[in-house]
């Protein structure tokens, strides 16, 4: 997510003149779409690990407990995906802005 937002800001953002927040939002969109695309692969891996899709009747699938479980599972998946998308922040130093400000002050 962070890497996609950075690349969008550097390339498309400069051409279109979009803000950093807009580039971050587009990076989040790219990340979410990648998550949707990879869902089938995650299900295939889960199947190989022995996890089976529950065999439910339509009435069971329509129960509030089933819907709640499905929504909670999706929310947890999106949360984990966003946290993984922020992983590059561990390797970005926050001192770059401070160095630029010090450089500008020393030139003045």
C-alpha atoms as a PDB file:
ATOM      1  CA  UNK A   1       0.000   0.000   0.000  1.00  0.00           C
ATOM      2  CA  UNK A   2       2.771   2.433   0.963  1.00  0.00           C
ATOM      3  CA  UNK A   3       4.945   1.415  -1.983  1.00  0.00           C
ATOM      4  CA  UNK A   4       2.027   1.798  -4.417  1.00  0.00           C
ATOM      5  CA  UNK A   5       1.156   5.223  -2.991  1.00  0.00           C
ATOM      6  CA  UNK A   6       4.765   6.368  -3.259  1.00  0.00           C
ATOM      7  CA  UNK A   7       5.051   5.243  -6.871  1.00  0.00           C
ATOM      8  CA  UNK A   8       1.739   6.894  -7.738  1.00  0.00           C
ATOM      9  CA  UNK A   9       2.874  10.139  -6.103  1.00  0.00           C
ATOM     10  CA  UNK A  10       6.223  10.099  -7.921  1.00  0.00           C
ATOM     11  CA  UNK A  11       4.869   9.259 -11.361  1.00  0.00           C
ATOM     12  CA  UNK A  12       1.178  10.036 -11.894  1.00  0.00           C
ATOM     13  CA  UNK A  13       1.011  12.534  -9.038  1.00  0.00           C
ATOM     14  CA  UNK A  14       3.611  14.795 -10.607  1.00  0.00           C
ATOM     15  CA  UNK A  15       1.916  14.723 -14.003  1.00  0.00           C
ATOM     16  CA  UNK A  16      -1.636  15.254 -12.700  1.00  0.00           C
ATOM     17  CA  UNK A  17      -0.657  17.468  -9.774  1.00  0.00           C
ATOM     18  CA  UNK A  18      -2.499  15.392  -7.152  1.00  0.00           C
ATOM     19  CA  UNK A  19      -1.844  15.712  -3.437  1.00  0.00           C
ATOM     20  CA  UNK A  20       0.005  13.218  -1.275  1.00  0.00           C
ATOM     21  CA  UNK A  21      -3.279  12.154   0.331  1.00  0.00           C
ATOM     22  CA  UNK A  22      -4.823  11.499  -3.084  1.00  0.00           C
ATOM     23  CA  UNK A  23      -1.795   9.379  -4.026  1.00  0.00           C
ATOM     24  CA  UNK A  24      -2.151   7.487  -0.730  1.00  0.00           C
ATOM     25  CA  UNK A  25      -5.834   6.875  -1.439  1.00  0.00           C
ATOM     26  CA  UNK A  26      -5.003   5.541  -4.908  1.00  0.00           C
ATOM     27  CA  UNK A  27      -2.303   3.334  -3.344  1.00  0.00           C
ATOM     28  CA  UNK A  28      -4.917   1.979  -0.964  1.00  0.00           C
ATOM     29  CA  UNK A  29      -7.202   1.279  -3.930  1.00  0.00           C
ATOM     30  CA  UNK A  30      -4.420  -0.659  -5.689  1.00  0.00           C
ATOM     31  CA  UNK A  31      -3.760  -2.624  -2.501  1.00  0.00           C
ATOM     32  CA  UNK A  32      -7.441  -3.478  -2.007  1.00  0.00           C
ATOM     33  CA  UNK A  33      -7.815  -4.584  -5.622  1.00  0.00           C
ATOM     34  CA  UNK A  34      -4.750  -6.796  -5.259  1.00  0.00           C
ATOM     35  CA  UNK A  35      -6.345  -8.323  -2.168  1.00  0.00           C
ATOM     36  CA  UNK A  36      -9.496  -9.098  -4.109  1.00  0.00           C
ATOM     37  CA  UNK A  37      -7.468 -10.663  -6.892  1.00  0.00           C
ATOM     38  CA  UNK A  38      -5.487 -12.827  -4.494  1.00  0.00           C
ATOM     39  CA  UNK A  39      -8.540 -14.120  -2.611  1.00  0.00           C
ATOM     40  CA  UNK A  40      -8.798 -17.197  -4.831  1.00  0.00           C
ATOM     41  CA  UNK A  41      -5.166 -18.085  -4.167  1.00  0.00           C
ATOM     42  CA  UNK A  42      -5.681 -17.766  -0.419  1.00  0.00           C
ATOM     43  CA  UNK A  43      -8.685 -20.089  -0.637  1.00  0.00           C
ATOM     44  CA  UNK A  44      -6.633 -22.588  -2.676  1.00  0.00           C
ATOM     45  CA  UNK A  45      -3.854 -22.580  -0.077  1.00  0.00           C
ATOM     46  CA  UNK A  46      -6.395 -23.017   2.724  1.00  0.00           C
ATOM     47  CA  UNK A  47      -7.846 -25.973   0.837  1.00  0.00           C
ATOM     48  CA  UNK A  48      -4.386 -27.550   0.508  1.00  0.00           C
ATOM     49  CA  UNK A  49      -3.881 -27.108   4.245  1.00  0.00           C
ATOM     50  CA  UNK A  50      -6.986 -29.193   4.853  1.00  0.00           C
ATOM     51  CA  UNK A  51      -9.467 -26.422   5.625  1.00  0.00           C
ATOM     52  CA  UNK A  52     -12.790 -27.241   4.028  1.00  0.00           C
ATOM     53  CA  UNK A  53     -15.616 -25.000   2.896  1.00  0.00           C
ATOM     54  CA  UNK A  54     -18.570 -25.622   5.202  1.00  0.00           C
ATOM     55  CA  UNK A  55     -21.524 -27.429   3.658  1.00  0.00           C
ATOM     56  CA  UNK A  56     -24.482 -25.269   4.715  1.00  0.00           C
ATOM     57  CA  UNK A  57     -28.106 -25.200   3.756  1.00  0.00           C
ATOM     58  CA  UNK A  58     -29.518 -21.918   2.393  1.00  0.00           C
ATOM     59  CA  UNK A  59     -31.289 -21.410   5.723  1.00  0.00           C
ATOM     60  CA  UNK A  60     -28.007 -21.776   7.627  1.00  0.00           C
ATOM     61  CA  UNK A  61     -26.240 -19.416   5.227  1.00  0.00           C
ATOM     62  CA  UNK A  62     -28.933 -16.791   5.881  1.00  0.00           C
ATOM     63  CA  UNK A  63     -28.606 -16.917   9.692  1.00  0.00           C
ATOM     64  CA  UNK A  64     -27.406 -13.734  11.385  1.00  0.00           C
ATOM     65  CA  UNK A  65     -24.527 -15.624  13.015  1.00  0.00           C
ATOM     66  CA  UNK A  66     -23.284 -16.764   9.614  1.00  0.00           C
ATOM     67  CA  UNK A  67     -23.487 -13.269   8.139  1.00  0.00           C
ATOM     68  CA  UNK A  68     -21.775 -11.780  11.194  1.00  0.00           C
ATOM     69  CA  UNK A  69     -18.966 -14.324  10.950  1.00  0.00           C
ATOM     70  CA  UNK A  70     -18.508 -13.581   7.244  1.00  0.00           C
ATOM     71  CA  UNK A  71     -18.371  -9.820   7.835  1.00  0.00           C
ATOM     72  CA  UNK A  72     -15.955 -10.185  10.745  1.00  0.00           C
ATOM     73  CA  UNK A  73     -13.722 -12.414   8.643  1.00  0.00           C
ATOM     74  CA  UNK A  74     -13.662  -9.848   5.847  1.00  0.00           C
ATOM     75  CA  UNK A  75     -12.938  -7.015   8.291  1.00  0.00           C
ATOM     76  CA  UNK A  76     -10.065  -8.952   9.852  1.00  0.00           C
ATOM     77  CA  UNK A  77      -8.701  -9.767   6.389  1.00  0.00           C
ATOM     78  CA  UNK A  78      -8.786  -6.131   5.287  1.00  0.00           C
ATOM     79  CA  UNK A  79      -7.175  -5.023   8.555  1.00  0.00           C
ATOM     80  CA  UNK A  80      -4.347  -7.535   8.182  1.00  0.00           C
ATOM     81  CA  UNK A  81      -3.899  -6.510   4.550  1.00  0.00           C
ATOM     82  CA  UNK A  82      -3.617  -2.842   5.500  1.00  0.00           C
ATOM     83  CA  UNK A  83      -1.135  -3.632   8.255  1.00  0.00           C
ATOM     84  CA  UNK A  84       0.960  -5.645   5.797  1.00  0.00           C
ATOM     85  CA  UNK A  85       0.716  -2.753   3.353  1.00  0.00           C
ATOM     86  CA  UNK A  86       2.250  -0.459   5.962  1.00  0.00           C
ATOM     87  CA  UNK A  87       5.234  -2.789   6.391  1.00  0.00           C
ATOM     88  CA  UNK A  88       7.531  -0.610   4.199  1.00  0.00           C
ATOM     89  CA  UNK A  89       7.204   2.164   6.802  1.00  0.00           C
ATOM     90  CA  UNK A  90       9.620   0.183   8.960  1.00  0.00           C
ATOM     91  CA  UNK A  91      12.329   0.876   6.393  1.00  0.00           C
ATOM     92  CA  UNK A  92      11.591   4.550   5.692  1.00  0.00           C
ATOM     93  CA  UNK A  93      13.506   6.972   7.864  1.00  0.00           C
ATOM     94  CA  UNK A  94      11.550   9.918   9.232  1.00  0.00           C
ATOM     95  CA  UNK A  95      14.639  12.131   9.439  1.00  0.00           C
ATOM     96  CA  UNK A  96      14.540  13.162   5.766  1.00  0.00           C
ATOM     97  CA  UNK A  97      12.185  16.094   6.425  1.00  0.00           C
ATOM     98  CA  UNK A  98      14.288  17.306   9.342  1.00  0.00           C
ATOM     99  CA  UNK A  99      17.453  17.202   7.241  1.00  0.00           C
ATOM    100  CA  UNK A 100      15.808  19.228   4.474  1.00  0.00           C
ATOM    101  CA  UNK A 101      14.625  21.866   6.961  1.00  0.00           C
ATOM    102  CA  UNK A 102      18.114  22.112   8.499  1.00  0.00           C
ATOM    103  CA  UNK A 103      19.651  22.438   5.031  1.00  0.00           C
ATOM    104  CA  UNK A 104      17.220  25.241   4.119  1.00  0.00           C
ATOM    105  CA  UNK A 105      17.909  27.080   7.390  1.00  0.00           C
ATOM    106  CA  UNK A 106      21.678  26.880   6.949  1.00  0.00           C
ATOM    107  CA  UNK A 107      21.449  28.262   3.395  1.00  0.00           C
ATOM    108  CA  UNK A 108      19.358  31.255   4.529  1.00  0.00           C
END
